[in-house]
Amino acid sequence: VQLMESGGGLAQPGGSLRLSCTSQGLFFTILEMGWYRQVPGKQRELVARITKEDHTITSDSVKGRFTISRPGGKNMVFLQMDDLKPEDSAVYYCNGQVQTTELSDTVNHWGQGTEVTVSS
């Protein structure tokens, strides 16, 4: 199973970026998907998570500015980031709880990460 992020880059403060995460490989489904971010020297932190049924959890630090979505409950997830701030600069990682068969437990998978830099 591979999770592949795209959409990172450089944005000005107040600007927007949209991150995408798609999945490849042989598996039954991905239950929860989410976005995490990490800066050097700090632990990876949750940005937002979403279930197949569209239930979401969003970090207080980005609430009202970032929106996670998963159209039709498919095995892909997006993060619309608006009103970006310099403190949003980080490597953003896609995460998925992958169920390889209908009866199997989930396995945690991570993408390689995409870098977001917010600077004027």
PDB file of N, CA and C in Angstrom:
ATOM      1  N   VAL A   1       0.851  -1.188   0.000  1.00  0.00           N
ATOM      2  CA  VAL A   1       0.000   0.000   0.000  1.00  0.00           C
ATOM      3  C   VAL A   1       0.886   1.236   0.000  1.00  0.00           C
ATOM      4  N   GLN A   2       0.588   2.148  -0.878  1.00  0.00           N
ATOM      5  CA  GLN A   2       1.338   3.417  -0.933  1.00  0.00           C
ATOM      6  C   GLN A   2       0.376   4.584  -0.814  1.00  0.00           C
ATOM      7  N   LEU A   3       0.749   5.536   0.019  1.00  0.00           N
ATOM      8  CA  LEU A   3       0.034   6.795   0.095  1.00  0.00           C
ATOM      9  C   LEU A   3       0.936   7.869  -0.488  1.00  0.00           C
ATOM     10  N   MET A   4       0.388   8.663  -1.408  1.00  0.00           N
ATOM     11  CA  MET A   4       1.223   9.618  -2.124  1.00  0.00           C
ATOM     12  C   MET A   4       0.637  11.017  -1.982  1.00  0.00           C
ATOM     13  N   GLU A   5       1.425  11.911  -1.377  1.00  0.00           N
ATOM     14  CA  GLU A   5       0.993  13.294  -1.189  1.00  0.00           C
ATOM     15  C   GLU A   5       1.458  14.166  -2.348  1.00  0.00           C
ATOM     16  N   SER A   6       0.725  15.207  -2.595  1.00  0.00           N
ATOM     17  CA  SER A   6       1.120  16.234  -3.551  1.00  0.00           C
ATOM     18  C   SER A   6       0.469  17.548  -3.135  1.00  0.00           C
ATOM     19  N   GLY A   7       0.980  18.641  -3.708  1.00  0.00           N
ATOM     20  CA  GLY A   7       0.354  19.936  -3.477  1.00  0.00           C
ATOM     21  C   GLY A   7       1.098  20.861  -2.544  1.00  0.00           C
ATOM     22  N   GLY A   8       2.185  20.402  -1.954  1.00  0.00           N
ATOM     23  CA  GLY A   8       2.950  21.292  -1.091  1.00  0.00           C
ATOM     24  C   GLY A   8       3.705  22.323  -1.903  1.00  0.00           C
ATOM     25  N   GLY A   9       4.350  23.221  -1.201  1.00  0.00           N
ATOM     26  CA  GLY A   9       5.117  24.250  -1.882  1.00  0.00           C
ATOM     27  C   GLY A   9       5.221  25.498  -1.039  1.00  0.00           C
ATOM     28  N   LEU A  10       5.502  26.593  -1.713  1.00  0.00           N
ATOM     29  CA  LEU A  10       5.693  27.885  -1.052  1.00  0.00           C
ATOM     30  C   LEU A  10       4.427  28.723  -1.171  1.00  0.00           C
ATOM     31  N   ALA A  11       3.995  29.311  -0.075  1.00  0.00           N
ATOM     32  CA  ALA A  11       2.842  30.203  -0.088  1.00  0.00           C
ATOM     33  C   ALA A  11       3.153  31.420   0.767  1.00  0.00           C
ATOM     34  N   GLN A  12       2.522  32.513   0.450  1.00  0.00           N
ATOM     35  CA  GLN A  12       2.674  33.720   1.253  1.00  0.00           C
ATOM     36  C   GLN A  12       1.713  33.674   2.433  1.00  0.00           C
ATOM     37  N   PRO A  13       2.031  34.365   3.518  1.00  0.00           N
ATOM     38  CA  PRO A  13       1.067  34.455   4.626  1.00  0.00           C
ATOM     39  C   PRO A  13      -0.282  34.961   4.125  1.00  0.00           C
ATOM     40  N   GLY A  14      -1.345  34.304   4.576  1.00  0.00           N
ATOM     41  CA  GLY A  14      -2.679  34.636   4.105  1.00  0.00           C
ATOM     42  C   GLY A  14      -3.092  33.885   2.846  1.00  0.00           C
ATOM     43  N   GLY A  15      -2.153  33.197   2.251  1.00  0.00           N
ATOM     44  CA  GLY A  15      -2.430  32.455   1.030  1.00  0.00           C
ATOM     45  C   GLY A  15      -3.029  31.089   1.281  1.00  0.00           C
ATOM     46  N   SER A  16      -3.166  30.325   0.200  1.00  0.00           N
ATOM     47  CA  SER A  16      -3.809  29.006   0.275  1.00  0.00           C
ATOM     48  C   SER A  16      -2.987  27.960  -0.469  1.00  0.00           C
ATOM     49  N   LEU A  17      -3.116  26.745  -0.014  1.00  0.00           N
ATOM     50  CA  LEU A  17      -2.587  25.575  -0.701  1.00  0.00           C
ATOM     51  C   LEU A  17      -3.576  24.432  -0.506  1.00  0.00           C
ATOM     52  N   ARG A  18      -3.580  23.495  -1.429  1.00  0.00           N
ATOM     53  CA  ARG A  18      -4.438  22.312  -1.307  1.00  0.00           C
ATOM     54  C   ARG A  18      -3.567  21.073  -1.433  1.00  0.00           C
ATOM     55  N   LEU A  19      -3.558  20.264  -0.397  1.00  0.00           N
ATOM     56  CA  LEU A  19      -2.806  19.026  -0.400  1.00  0.00           C
ATOM     57  C   LEU A  19      -3.715  17.874  -0.804  1.00  0.00           C
ATOM     58  N   SER A  20      -3.134  16.944  -1.556  1.00  0.00           N
ATOM     59  CA  SER A  20      -3.868  15.753  -1.975  1.00  0.00           C
ATOM     60  C   SER A  20      -3.103  14.517  -1.540  1.00  0.00           C
ATOM     61  N   CYS A  21      -3.847  13.474  -1.230  1.00  0.00           N
ATOM     62  CA  CYS A  21      -3.238  12.183  -0.880  1.00  0.00           C
ATOM     63  C   CYS A  21      -4.034  11.089  -1.570  1.00  0.00           C
ATOM     64  N   THR A  22      -3.363  10.356  -2.442  1.00  0.00           N
ATOM     65  CA  THR A  22      -4.015   9.244  -3.122  1.00  0.00           C
ATOM     66  C   THR A  22      -3.369   7.937  -2.683  1.00  0.00           C
ATOM     67  N   SER A  23      -4.071   6.846  -2.932  1.00  0.00           N
ATOM     68  CA  SER A  23      -3.593   5.541  -2.477  1.00  0.00           C
ATOM     69  C   SER A  23      -3.435   4.583  -3.643  1.00  0.00           C
ATOM     70  N   GLN A  24      -2.457   3.707  -3.503  1.00  0.00           N
ATOM     71  CA  GLN A  24      -2.226   2.665  -4.499  1.00  0.00           C
ATOM     72  C   GLN A  24      -1.938   1.358  -3.788  1.00  0.00           C
ATOM     73  N   GLY A  25      -2.243   0.252  -4.458  1.00  0.00           N
ATOM     74  CA  GLY A  25      -1.908  -1.050  -3.907  1.00  0.00           C
ATOM     75  C   GLY A  25      -3.139  -1.922  -3.735  1.00  0.00           C
ATOM     76  N   LEU A  26      -2.912  -3.088  -3.202  1.00  0.00           N
ATOM     77  CA  LEU A  26      -3.990  -4.055  -3.013  1.00  0.00           C
ATOM     78  C   LEU A  26      -4.436  -4.038  -1.556  1.00  0.00           C
ATOM     79  N   PHE A  27      -5.657  -3.630  -1.319  1.00  0.00           N
ATOM     80  CA  PHE A  27      -6.205  -3.617   0.020  1.00  0.00           C
ATOM     81  C   PHE A  27      -7.720  -3.545  -0.074  1.00  0.00           C
ATOM     82  N   PHE A  28      -8.381  -3.778   1.065  1.00  0.00           N
ATOM     83  CA  PHE A  28      -9.835  -3.768   1.070  1.00  0.00           C
ATOM     84  C   PHE A  28     -10.376  -2.345   1.154  1.00  0.00           C
ATOM     85  N   THR A  29      -9.927  -1.599   2.130  1.00  0.00           N
ATOM     86  CA  THR A  29     -10.376  -0.226   2.287  1.00  0.00           C
ATOM     87  C   THR A  29      -9.448   0.517   3.256  1.00  0.00           C
ATOM     88  N   ILE A  30      -9.605   1.823   3.301  1.00  0.00           N
ATOM     89  CA  ILE A  30      -8.902   2.634   4.296  1.00  0.00           C
ATOM     90  C   ILE A  30      -9.970   3.256   5.184  1.00  0.00           C
ATOM     91  N   LEU A  31      -9.933   2.932   6.456  1.00  0.00           N
ATOM     92  CA  LEU A  31     -10.995   3.392   7.352  1.00  0.00           C
ATOM     93  C   LEU A  31     -10.848   4.879   7.652  1.00  0.00           C
ATOM     94  N   GLU A  32      -9.889   5.241   8.458  1.00  0.00           N
ATOM     95  CA  GLU A  32      -9.659   6.664   8.719  1.00  0.00           C
ATOM     96  C   GLU A  32      -8.455   7.139   7.924  1.00  0.00           C
ATOM     97  N   MET A  33      -8.511   8.389   7.462  1.00  0.00           N
ATOM     98  CA  MET A  33      -7.372   9.022   6.815  1.00  0.00           C
ATOM     99  C   MET A  33      -7.137  10.359   7.498  1.00  0.00           C
ATOM    100  N   GLY A  34      -5.914  10.813   7.408  1.00  0.00           N
ATOM    101  CA  GLY A  34      -5.649  12.075   8.086  1.00  0.00           C
ATOM    102  C   GLY A  34      -4.382  12.737   7.600  1.00  0.00           C
ATOM    103  N   TRP A  35      -4.177  13.925   8.105  1.00  0.00           N
ATOM    104  CA  TRP A  35      -2.974  14.713   7.824  1.00  0.00           C
ATOM    105  C   TRP A  35      -2.295  15.045   9.145  1.00  0.00           C
ATOM    106  N   TYR A  36      -0.985  14.867   9.138  1.00  0.00           N
ATOM    107  CA  TYR A  36      -0.147  15.235  10.269  1.00  0.00           C
ATOM    108  C   TYR A  36       0.957  16.133   9.737  1.00  0.00           C
ATOM    109  N   ARG A  37       1.610  16.856  10.620  1.00  0.00           N
ATOM    110  CA  ARG A  37       2.732  17.687  10.196  1.00  0.00           C
ATOM    111  C   ARG A  37       3.839  17.621  11.221  1.00  0.00           C
ATOM    112  N   GLN A  38       5.048  17.888  10.717  1.00  0.00           N
ATOM    113  CA  GLN A  38       6.216  17.812  11.587  1.00  0.00           C
ATOM    114  C   GLN A  38       7.240  18.856  11.172  1.00  0.00           C
ATOM    115  N   VAL A  39       7.797  19.523  12.168  1.00  0.00           N
ATOM    116  CA  VAL A  39       8.922  20.430  11.942  1.00  0.00           C
ATOM    117  C   VAL A  39      10.147  19.823  12.620  1.00  0.00           C
ATOM    118  N   PRO A  40      11.330  20.171  12.136  1.00  0.00           N
ATOM    119  CA  PRO A  40      12.543  19.571  12.724  1.00  0.00           C
ATOM    120  C   PRO A  40      12.622  19.796  14.228  1.00  0.00           C
ATOM    121  N   GLY A  41      12.943  18.731  14.934  1.00  0.00           N
ATOM    122  CA  GLY A  41      13.105  18.828  16.376  1.00  0.00           C
ATOM    123  C   GLY A  41      11.835  18.698  17.176  1.00  0.00           C
ATOM    124  N   LYS A  42      10.708  18.544  16.471  1.00  0.00           N
ATOM    125  CA  LYS A  42       9.434  18.417  17.185  1.00  0.00           C
ATOM    126  C   LYS A  42       8.735  17.131  16.773  1.00  0.00           C
ATOM    127  N   GLN A  43       7.796  16.712  17.616  1.00  0.00           N
ATOM    128  CA  GLN A  43       7.031  15.516  17.295  1.00  0.00           C
ATOM    129  C   GLN A  43       6.021  15.790  16.200  1.00  0.00           C
ATOM    130  N   ARG A  44       5.705  14.730  15.477  1.00  0.00           N
ATOM    131  CA  ARG A  44       4.658  14.844  14.466  1.00  0.00           C
ATOM    132  C   ARG A  44       3.329  15.116  15.180  1.00  0.00           C
ATOM    133  N   GLU A  45       2.560  16.058  14.640  1.00  0.00           N
ATOM    134  CA  GLU A  45       1.297  16.413  15.287  1.00  0.00           C
ATOM    135  C   GLU A  45       0.128  16.266  14.325  1.00  0.00           C
ATOM    136  N   LEU A  46      -1.019  15.962  14.920  1.00  0.00           N
ATOM    137  CA  LEU A  46      -2.238  15.830  14.139  1.00  0.00           C
ATOM    138  C   LEU A  46      -2.682  17.187  13.611  1.00  0.00           C
ATOM    139  N   VAL A  47      -3.060  17.201  12.337  1.00  0.00           N
ATOM    140  CA  VAL A  47      -3.688  18.386  11.749  1.00  0.00           C
ATOM    141  C   VAL A  47      -5.193  18.140  11.660  1.00  0.00           C
ATOM    142  N   ALA A  48      -5.582  17.051  11.003  1.00  0.00           N
ATOM    143  CA  ALA A  48      -7.001  16.722  10.872  1.00  0.00           C
ATOM    144  C   ALA A  48      -7.130  15.263  10.457  1.00  0.00           C
ATOM    145  N   ARG A  49      -8.253  14.642  10.837  1.00  0.00           N
ATOM    146  CA  ARG A  49      -8.561  13.269  10.454  1.00  0.00           C
ATOM    147  C   ARG A  49      -9.995  13.202   9.999  1.00  0.00           C
ATOM    148  N   ILE A  50     -10.287  12.184   9.175  1.00  0.00           N
ATOM    149  CA  ILE A  50     -11.638  12.019   8.657  1.00  0.00           C
ATOM    150  C   ILE A  50     -11.936  10.542   8.458  1.00  0.00           C
ATOM    151  N   THR A  51     -13.159  10.134   8.781  1.00  0.00           N
ATOM    152  CA  THR A  51     -13.574   8.749   8.568  1.00  0.00           C
ATOM    153  C   THR A  51     -14.261   8.616   7.205  1.00  0.00           C
ATOM    154  N   LYS A  52     -14.569   7.391   6.818  1.00  0.00           N
ATOM    155  CA  LYS A  52     -15.289   7.158   5.559  1.00  0.00           C
ATOM    156  C   LYS A  52     -16.677   7.801   5.599  1.00  0.00           C
ATOM    157  N   GLU A  53     -17.201   7.969   6.828  1.00  0.00           N
ATOM    158  CA  GLU A  53     -18.537   8.539   6.992  1.00  0.00           C
ATOM    159  C   GLU A  53     -18.492  10.059   7.168  1.00  0.00           C
ATOM    160  N   ASP A  54     -17.318  10.648   6.924  1.00  0.00           N
ATOM    161  CA  ASP A  54     -17.151  12.109   6.973  1.00  0.00           C
ATOM    162  C   ASP A  54     -17.116  12.707   8.377  1.00  0.00           C
ATOM    163  N   HIS A  55     -16.862  11.899   9.381  1.00  0.00           N
ATOM    164  CA  HIS A  55     -16.679  12.456  10.717  1.00  0.00           C
ATOM    165  C   HIS A  55     -15.253  12.984  10.785  1.00  0.00           C
ATOM    166  N   THR A  56     -15.094  14.219  11.255  1.00  0.00           N
ATOM    167  CA  THR A  56     -13.775  14.851  11.230  1.00  0.00           C
ATOM    168  C   THR A  56     -13.314  15.272  12.623  1.00  0.00           C
ATOM    169  N   ILE A  57     -12.014  15.322  12.769  1.00  0.00           N
ATOM    170  CA  ILE A  57     -11.364  15.903  13.936  1.00  0.00           C
ATOM    171  C   ILE A  57     -10.334  16.874  13.391  1.00  0.00           C
ATOM    172  N   THR A  58     -10.340  18.092  13.892  1.00  0.00           N
ATOM    173  CA  THR A  58      -9.414  19.121  13.419  1.00  0.00           C
ATOM    174  C   THR A  58      -8.700  19.745  14.606  1.00  0.00           C
ATOM    175  N   SER A  59      -7.398  19.915  14.464  1.00  0.00           N
ATOM    176  CA  SER A  59      -6.604  20.537  15.517  1.00  0.00           C
ATOM    177  C   SER A  59      -7.058  21.971  15.752  1.00  0.00           C
ATOM    178  N   ASP A  60      -7.046  22.387  16.994  1.00  0.00           N
ATOM    179  CA  ASP A  60      -7.443  23.759  17.320  1.00  0.00           C
ATOM    180  C   ASP A  60      -6.567  24.789  16.601  1.00  0.00           C
ATOM    181  N   SER A  61      -5.321  24.441  16.338  1.00  0.00           N
ATOM    182  CA  SER A  61      -4.400  25.397  15.724  1.00  0.00           C
ATOM    183  C   SER A  61      -4.761  25.723  14.278  1.00  0.00           C
ATOM    184  N   VAL A  62      -5.542  24.879  13.640  1.00  0.00           N
ATOM    185  CA  VAL A  62      -5.905  25.131  12.235  1.00  0.00           C
ATOM    186  C   VAL A  62      -7.413  25.231  12.022  1.00  0.00           C
ATOM    187  N   LYS A  63      -8.175  25.063  13.091  1.00  0.00           N
ATOM    188  CA  LYS A  63      -9.631  25.084  12.957  1.00  0.00           C
ATOM    189  C   LYS A  63     -10.084  26.431  12.387  1.00  0.00           C
ATOM    190  N   GLY A  64     -10.998  26.356  11.416  1.00  0.00           N
ATOM    191  CA  GLY A  64     -11.481  27.567  10.765  1.00  0.00           C
ATOM    192  C   GLY A  64     -10.633  28.005   9.586  1.00  0.00           C
ATOM    193  N   ARG A  65      -9.461  27.402   9.429  1.00  0.00           N
ATOM    194  CA  ARG A  65      -8.580  27.762   8.315  1.00  0.00           C
ATOM    195  C   ARG A  65      -8.330  26.576   7.380  1.00  0.00           C
ATOM    196  N   PHE A  66      -8.240  25.377   7.947  1.00  0.00           N
ATOM    197  CA  PHE A  66      -7.980  24.178   7.151  1.00  0.00           C
ATOM    198  C   PHE A  66      -9.235  23.314   7.116  1.00  0.00           C
ATOM    199  N   THR A  67      -9.460  22.688   5.966  1.00  0.00           N
ATOM    200  CA  THR A  67     -10.612  21.805   5.812  1.00  0.00           C
ATOM    201  C   THR A  67     -10.165  20.480   5.216  1.00  0.00           C
ATOM    202  N   ILE A  68     -10.481  19.403   5.905  1.00  0.00           N
ATOM    203  CA  ILE A  68     -10.160  18.068   5.393  1.00  0.00           C
ATOM    204  C   ILE A  68     -11.402  17.521   4.701  1.00  0.00           C
ATOM    205  N   SER A  69     -11.172  16.801   3.602  1.00  0.00           N
ATOM    206  CA  SER A  69     -12.305  16.226   2.887  1.00  0.00           C
ATOM    207  C   SER A  69     -11.924  14.885   2.289  1.00  0.00           C
ATOM    208  N   ARG A  70     -12.956  14.100   2.037  1.00  0.00           N
ATOM    209  CA  ARG A  70     -12.760  12.747   1.499  1.00  0.00           C
ATOM    210  C   ARG A  70     -14.007  12.444   0.674  1.00  0.00           C
ATOM    211  N   PRO A  71     -14.036  12.918  -0.555  1.00  0.00           N
ATOM    212  CA  PRO A  71     -15.239  12.827  -1.372  1.00  0.00           C
ATOM    213  C   PRO A  71     -15.751  11.406  -1.550  1.00  0.00           C
ATOM    214  N   GLY A  72     -17.013  11.188  -1.200  1.00  0.00           N
ATOM    215  CA  GLY A  72     -17.627   9.882  -1.400  1.00  0.00           C
ATOM    216  C   GLY A  72     -17.017   8.777  -0.565  1.00  0.00           C
ATOM    217  N   GLY A  73     -16.263   9.132   0.452  1.00  0.00           N
ATOM    218  CA  GLY A  73     -15.633   8.113   1.283  1.00  0.00           C
ATOM    219  C   GLY A  73     -14.564   7.312   0.564  1.00  0.00           C
ATOM    220  N   LYS A  74     -14.068   7.846  -0.544  1.00  0.00           N
ATOM    221  CA  LYS A  74     -13.054   7.118  -1.312  1.00  0.00           C
ATOM    222  C   LYS A  74     -11.725   7.084  -0.567  1.00  0.00           C
ATOM    223  N   ASN A  75     -10.794   6.299  -1.068  1.00  0.00           N
ATOM    224  CA  ASN A  75      -9.497   6.117  -0.423  1.00  0.00           C
ATOM    225  C   ASN A  75      -8.518   7.203  -0.848  1.00  0.00           C
ATOM    226  N   MET A  76      -8.909   8.430  -0.691  1.00  0.00           N
ATOM    227  CA  MET A  76      -8.095   9.594  -0.959  1.00  0.00           C
ATOM    228  C   MET A  76      -8.561  10.692  -0.011  1.00  0.00           C
ATOM    229  N   VAL A  77      -7.662  11.626   0.263  1.00  0.00           N
ATOM    230  CA  VAL A  77      -8.019  12.674   1.212  1.00  0.00           C
ATOM    231  C   VAL A  77      -7.349  13.975   0.780  1.00  0.00           C
ATOM    232  N   PHE A  78      -8.026  15.074   1.049  1.00  0.00           N
ATOM    233  CA  PHE A  78      -7.533  16.384   0.667  1.00  0.00           C
ATOM    234  C   PHE A  78      -7.482  17.290   1.892  1.00  0.00           C
ATOM    235  N   LEU A  79      -6.602  18.259   1.835  1.00  0.00           N
ATOM    236  CA  LEU A  79      -6.528  19.260   2.892  1.00  0.00           C
ATOM    237  C   LEU A  79      -6.457  20.626   2.240  1.00  0.00           C
ATOM    238  N   GLN A  80      -7.541  21.373   2.357  1.00  0.00           N
ATOM    239  CA  GLN A  80      -7.562  22.751   1.872  1.00  0.00           C
ATOM    240  C   GLN A  80      -7.064  23.641   2.988  1.00  0.00           C
ATOM    241  N   MET A  81      -5.978  24.355   2.708  1.00  0.00           N
ATOM    242  CA  MET A  81      -5.350  25.200   3.715  1.00  0.00           C
ATOM    243  C   MET A  81      -5.481  26.653   3.292  1.00  0.00           C
ATOM    244  N   ASP A  82      -6.245  27.403   4.034  1.00  0.00           N
ATOM    245  CA  ASP A  82      -6.457  28.822   3.760  1.00  0.00           C
ATOM    246  C   ASP A  82      -5.891  29.664   4.887  1.00  0.00           C
ATOM    247  N   ASP A  83      -5.694  30.939   4.595  1.00  0.00           N
ATOM    248  CA  ASP A  83      -5.166  31.877   5.594  1.00  0.00           C
ATOM    249  C   ASP A  83      -3.916  31.296   6.255  1.00  0.00           C
ATOM    250  N   LEU A  84      -2.983  30.858   5.434  1.00  0.00           N
ATOM    251  CA  LEU A  84      -1.779  30.225   5.940  1.00  0.00           C
ATOM    252  C   LEU A  84      -0.938  31.201   6.749  1.00  0.00           C
ATOM    253  N   LYS A  85      -0.283  30.644   7.758  1.00  0.00           N
ATOM    254  CA  LYS A  85       0.593  31.421   8.627  1.00  0.00           C
ATOM    255  C   LYS A  85       1.990  30.816   8.599  1.00  0.00           C
ATOM    256  N   PRO A  86       3.009  31.607   8.900  1.00  0.00           N
ATOM    257  CA  PRO A  86       4.369  31.047   8.901  1.00  0.00           C
ATOM    258  C   PRO A  86       4.504  29.813   9.807  1.00  0.00           C
ATOM    259  N   GLU A  87       3.762  29.782  10.896  1.00  0.00           N
ATOM    260  CA  GLU A  87       3.848  28.635  11.800  1.00  0.00           C
ATOM    261  C   GLU A  87       3.210  27.369  11.235  1.00  0.00           C
ATOM    262  N   ASP A  88       2.566  27.485  10.082  1.00  0.00           N
ATOM    263  CA  ASP A  88       2.042  26.289   9.405  1.00  0.00           C
ATOM    264  C   ASP A  88       3.131  25.584   8.589  1.00  0.00           C
ATOM    265  N   SER A  89       4.287  26.222   8.461  1.00  0.00           N
ATOM    266  CA  SER A  89       5.382  25.623   7.702  1.00  0.00           C
ATOM    267  C   SER A  89       5.809  24.317   8.363  1.00  0.00           C
ATOM    268  N   ALA A  90       5.855  23.249   7.570  1.00  0.00           N
ATOM    269  CA  ALA A  90       6.181  21.922   8.093  1.00  0.00           C
ATOM    270  C   ALA A  90       6.183  20.941   6.930  1.00  0.00           C
ATOM    271  N   VAL A  91       6.590  19.725   7.215  1.00  0.00           N
ATOM    272  CA  VAL A  91       6.361  18.636   6.276  1.00  0.00           C
ATOM    273  C   VAL A  91       5.032  17.998   6.666  1.00  0.00           C
ATOM    274  N   TYR A  92       4.144  17.894   5.707  1.00  0.00           N
ATOM    275  CA  TYR A  92       2.823  17.347   5.946  1.00  0.00           C
ATOM    276  C   TYR A  92       2.760  15.897   5.462  1.00  0.00           C
ATOM    277  N   TYR A  93       2.281  15.029   6.330  1.00  0.00           N
ATOM    278  CA  TYR A  93       2.217  13.610   6.023  1.00  0.00           C
ATOM    279  C   TYR A  93       0.774  13.121   5.981  1.00  0.00           C
ATOM    280  N   CYS A  94       0.495  12.303   4.995  1.00  0.00           N
ATOM    281  CA  CYS A  94      -0.798  11.640   4.893  1.00  0.00           C
ATOM    282  C   CYS A  94      -0.735  10.332   5.692  1.00  0.00           C
ATOM    283  N   ASN A  95      -1.811  10.035   6.361  1.00  0.00           N
ATOM    284  CA  ASN A  95      -1.887   8.813   7.150  1.00  0.00           C
ATOM    285  C   ASN A  95      -3.168   8.069   6.808  1.00  0.00           C
ATOM    286  N   GLY A  96      -3.083   6.746   6.795  1.00  0.00           N
ATOM    287  CA  GLY A  96      -4.274   5.957   6.543  1.00  0.00           C
ATOM    288  C   GLY A  96      -4.288   4.689   7.369  1.00  0.00           C
ATOM    289  N   GLN A  97      -5.434   4.363   7.916  1.00  0.00           N
ATOM    290  CA  GLN A  97      -5.613   3.098   8.645  1.00  0.00           C
ATOM    291  C   GLN A  97      -6.165   2.106   7.637  1.00  0.00           C
ATOM    292  N   VAL A  98      -5.264   1.244   7.117  1.00  0.00           N
ATOM    293  CA  VAL A  98      -5.573   0.380   5.988  1.00  0.00           C
ATOM    294  C   VAL A  98      -6.041  -0.999   6.470  1.00  0.00           C
ATOM    295  N   GLN A  99      -7.148  -1.419   5.903  1.00  0.00           N
ATOM    296  CA  GLN A  99      -7.654  -2.765   6.161  1.00  0.00           C
ATOM    297  C   GLN A  99      -7.363  -3.581   4.910  1.00  0.00           C
ATOM    298  N   THR A 100      -6.495  -4.584   5.013  1.00  0.00           N
ATOM    299  CA  THR A 100      -6.078  -5.301   3.810  1.00  0.00           C
ATOM    300  C   THR A 100      -7.145  -6.280   3.318  1.00  0.00           C
ATOM    301  N   THR A 101      -7.901  -6.863   4.230  1.00  0.00           N
ATOM    302  CA  THR A 101      -9.049  -7.690   3.852  1.00  0.00           C
ATOM    303  C   THR A 101     -10.236  -7.267   4.704  1.00  0.00           C
ATOM    304  N   GLU A 102     -11.405  -7.761   4.351  1.00  0.00           N
ATOM    305  CA  GLU A 102     -12.624  -7.340   5.045  1.00  0.00           C
ATOM    306  C   GLU A 102     -12.593  -7.708   6.527  1.00  0.00           C
ATOM    307  N   LEU A 103     -11.854  -8.764   6.862  1.00  0.00           N
ATOM    308  CA  LEU A 103     -11.859  -9.241   8.246  1.00  0.00           C
ATOM    309  C   LEU A 103     -10.579  -8.899   8.995  1.00  0.00           C
ATOM    310  N   SER A 104      -9.631  -8.227   8.345  1.00  0.00           N
ATOM    311  CA  SER A 104      -8.346  -7.980   8.993  1.00  0.00           C
ATOM    312  C   SER A 104      -8.378  -6.741   9.864  1.00  0.00           C
ATOM    313  N   ASP A 105      -7.422  -6.675  10.772  1.00  0.00           N
ATOM    314  CA  ASP A 105      -7.219  -5.462  11.548  1.00  0.00           C
ATOM    315  C   ASP A 105      -6.609  -4.387  10.656  1.00  0.00           C
ATOM    316  N   THR A 106      -6.633  -3.160  11.120  1.00  0.00           N
ATOM    317  CA  THR A 106      -6.045  -2.083  10.324  1.00  0.00           C
ATOM    318  C   THR A 106      -4.556  -1.981  10.584  1.00  0.00           C
ATOM    319  N   VAL A 107      -3.848  -1.505   9.573  1.00  0.00           N
ATOM    320  CA  VAL A 107      -2.420  -1.245   9.666  1.00  0.00           C
ATOM    321  C   VAL A 107      -2.204   0.217   9.332  1.00  0.00           C
ATOM    322  N   ASN A 108      -1.380   0.873  10.116  1.00  0.00           N
ATOM    323  CA  ASN A 108      -1.106   2.290   9.918  1.00  0.00           C
ATOM    324  C   ASN A 108      -0.107   2.490   8.780  1.00  0.00           C
ATOM    325  N   HIS A 109      -0.453   3.325   7.811  1.00  0.00           N
ATOM    326  CA  HIS A 109       0.454   3.629   6.702  1.00  0.00           C
ATOM    327  C   HIS A 109       0.673   5.128   6.612  1.00  0.00           C
ATOM    328  N   TRP A 110       1.877   5.507   6.196  1.00  0.00           N
ATOM    329  CA  TRP A 110       2.242   6.912   6.032  1.00  0.00           C
ATOM    330  C   TRP A 110       2.739   7.179   4.629  1.00  0.00           C
ATOM    331  N   GLY A 111       2.475   8.385   4.150  1.00  0.00           N
ATOM    332  CA  GLY A 111       3.085   8.831   2.920  1.00  0.00           C
ATOM    333  C   GLY A 111       4.482   9.348   3.188  1.00  0.00           C
ATOM    334  N   GLN A 112       5.161   9.787   2.126  1.00  0.00           N
ATOM    335  CA  GLN A 112       6.548  10.263   2.247  1.00  0.00           C
ATOM    336  C   GLN A 112       6.615  11.690   2.748  1.00  0.00           C
ATOM    337  N   GLY A 113       5.521  12.400   2.649  1.00  0.00           N
ATOM    338  CA  GLY A 113       5.492  13.781   3.125  1.00  0.00           C
ATOM    339  C   GLY A 113       5.634  14.780   1.994  1.00  0.00           C
ATOM    340  N   THR A 114       5.023  15.936   2.179  1.00  0.00           N
ATOM    341  CA  THR A 114       5.159  17.037   1.238  1.00  0.00           C
ATOM    342  C   THR A 114       5.403  18.311   2.046  1.00  0.00           C
ATOM    343  N   GLU A 115       6.368  19.089   1.600  1.00  0.00           N
ATOM    344  CA  GLU A 115       6.784  20.238   2.386  1.00  0.00           C
ATOM    345  C   GLU A 115       5.950  21.469   2.068  1.00  0.00           C
ATOM    346  N   VAL A 116       5.550  22.147   3.114  1.00  0.00           N
ATOM    347  CA  VAL A 116       4.817  23.409   2.994  1.00  0.00           C
ATOM    348  C   VAL A 116       5.638  24.500   3.667  1.00  0.00           C
ATOM    349  N   THR A 117       5.895  25.558   2.936  1.00  0.00           N
ATOM    350  CA  THR A 117       6.624  26.698   3.480  1.00  0.00           C
ATOM    351  C   THR A 117       5.777  27.947   3.313  1.00  0.00           C
ATOM    352  N   VAL A 118       5.540  28.638   4.407  1.00  0.00           N
ATOM    353  CA  VAL A 118       4.748  29.867   4.375  1.00  0.00           C
ATOM    354  C   VAL A 118       5.684  31.013   4.741  1.00  0.00           C
ATOM    355  N   SER A 119       5.940  31.849   3.752  1.00  0.00           N
ATOM    356  CA  SER A 119       6.908  32.921   3.963  1.00  0.00           C
ATOM    357  C   SER A 119       6.660  34.033   2.958  1.00  0.00           C
ATOM    358  N   SER A 120       6.937  35.248   3.381  1.00  0.00           N
ATOM    359  CA  SER A 120       6.832  36.363   2.448  1.00  0.00           C
ATOM    360  C   SER A 120       8.173  36.631   1.787  1.00  0.00           C
TER     361      SER A 120
END
